[in-house]
Amino acid sequence: MCLSVILFDQECYGCGMTRACQHMIHGEFETAAGYNRMAFIVLPILIFGWGMEVRATYRKLAVAKAVGGSHEA
């Protein structure tokens, strides 16, 4: 339950976001829009941010492996 709903009896911008994102991932866009239309903006940003983190981590591991490999020779 949302704290905003409990305290103020009013939904916040985050209400339904998780369910909306899950429905979007499953291709159920009309259902997602019913939960929270902001998910159409938030989910792509989250996916982009996650992808950038994966890319940065991969590069750090590749550099660490290259540096560690050059000392062994």
Protein backbone atom coordinates (compact mmCIF):
# COMPACT_ATOMS: atom_id res chain seq x y z
CA MET A 1 0.00 0.00 0.00
CA CYS A 2 1.23 3.46 -0.82
CA LEU A 3 2.02 5.77 2.10
CA SER A 4 0.41 8.66 0.22
CA VAL A 5 -2.85 6.72 -0.04
CA ILE A 6 -2.72 5.74 3.64
CA LEU A 7 -1.98 9.24 4.95
CA PHE A 8 -3.68 11.54 2.44
CA ASP A 9 -6.17 9.27 0.65
CA GLN A 10 -4.60 10.35 -2.65
CA GLU A 11 -2.48 8.37 -5.11
CA CYS A 12 1.05 9.59 -5.80
CA TYR A 13 2.90 9.51 -9.15
CA GLY A 14 4.46 6.18 -8.24
CA CYS A 15 1.17 4.39 -7.57
CA GLY A 16 0.88 1.44 -9.95
CA MET A 17 4.34 1.99 -11.47
CA THR A 18 5.64 -1.50 -10.69
CA ARG A 19 2.55 -3.20 -12.05
CA ALA A 20 2.56 -0.92 -15.11
CA CYS A 21 6.22 -1.74 -15.85
CA GLN A 22 5.57 -5.46 -15.46
CA HIS A 23 2.65 -5.28 -17.89
CA MET A 24 4.78 -3.31 -20.36
CA ILE A 25 7.51 -5.96 -20.22
CA HIS A 26 4.87 -8.55 -21.10
CA GLY A 27 3.57 -6.42 -23.97
CA GLU A 28 0.27 -5.52 -22.29
CA PHE A 29 0.43 -1.80 -23.04
CA GLU A 30 -3.25 -0.94 -22.54
CA THR A 31 -3.24 -2.56 -19.10
CA ALA A 32 0.01 -0.77 -18.26
CA ALA A 33 -1.51 2.56 -19.22
CA GLY A 34 -4.40 1.86 -16.88
CA TYR A 35 -2.02 1.50 -13.94
CA ASN A 36 0.32 4.42 -14.65
CA ARG A 37 1.01 6.20 -17.94
CA MET A 38 4.37 7.48 -16.63
CA ALA A 39 5.71 3.93 -17.02
CA PHE A 40 6.06 4.62 -20.75
CA ILE A 41 8.73 7.19 -19.84
CA VAL A 42 10.21 5.58 -16.73
CA LEU A 43 10.76 2.02 -18.02
CA PRO A 44 12.89 2.99 -21.06
CA ILE A 45 15.00 5.27 -18.80
CA LEU A 46 15.49 2.43 -16.32
CA ILE A 47 16.45 0.00 -19.08
CA PHE A 48 18.91 2.52 -20.54
CA GLY A 49 20.47 3.16 -17.11
CA TRP A 50 20.77 -0.55 -16.43
CA GLY A 51 22.40 -1.09 -19.82
CA MET A 52 24.92 1.67 -19.15
CA GLU A 53 25.82 0.09 -15.78
CA VAL A 54 26.28 -3.33 -17.39
CA ARG A 55 28.50 -1.76 -20.06
CA ALA A 56 30.62 0.12 -17.47
CA THR A 57 31.03 -3.01 -15.35
CA TYR A 58 32.04 -5.07 -18.38
CA ARG A 59 34.65 -2.47 -19.34
CA LYS A 60 36.08 -2.39 -15.79
CA LEU A 61 36.36 -6.17 -15.77
CA ALA A 62 38.01 -6.18 -19.20
CA VAL A 63 40.56 -3.57 -18.09
CA ALA A 64 41.26 -5.45 -14.85
CA LYS A 65 41.76 -8.67 -16.79
CA ALA A 66 44.10 -6.95 -19.28
CA VAL A 67 46.17 -5.36 -16.52
CA GLY A 68 46.28 -8.57 -14.50
CA GLY A 69 47.22 -10.61 -17.57
CA SER A 70 50.18 -8.37 -18.47
CA HIS A 71 51.83 -8.91 -15.05
CA GLU A 72 51.71 -12.69 -15.37
CA ALA A 73 53.88 -12.81 -18.52
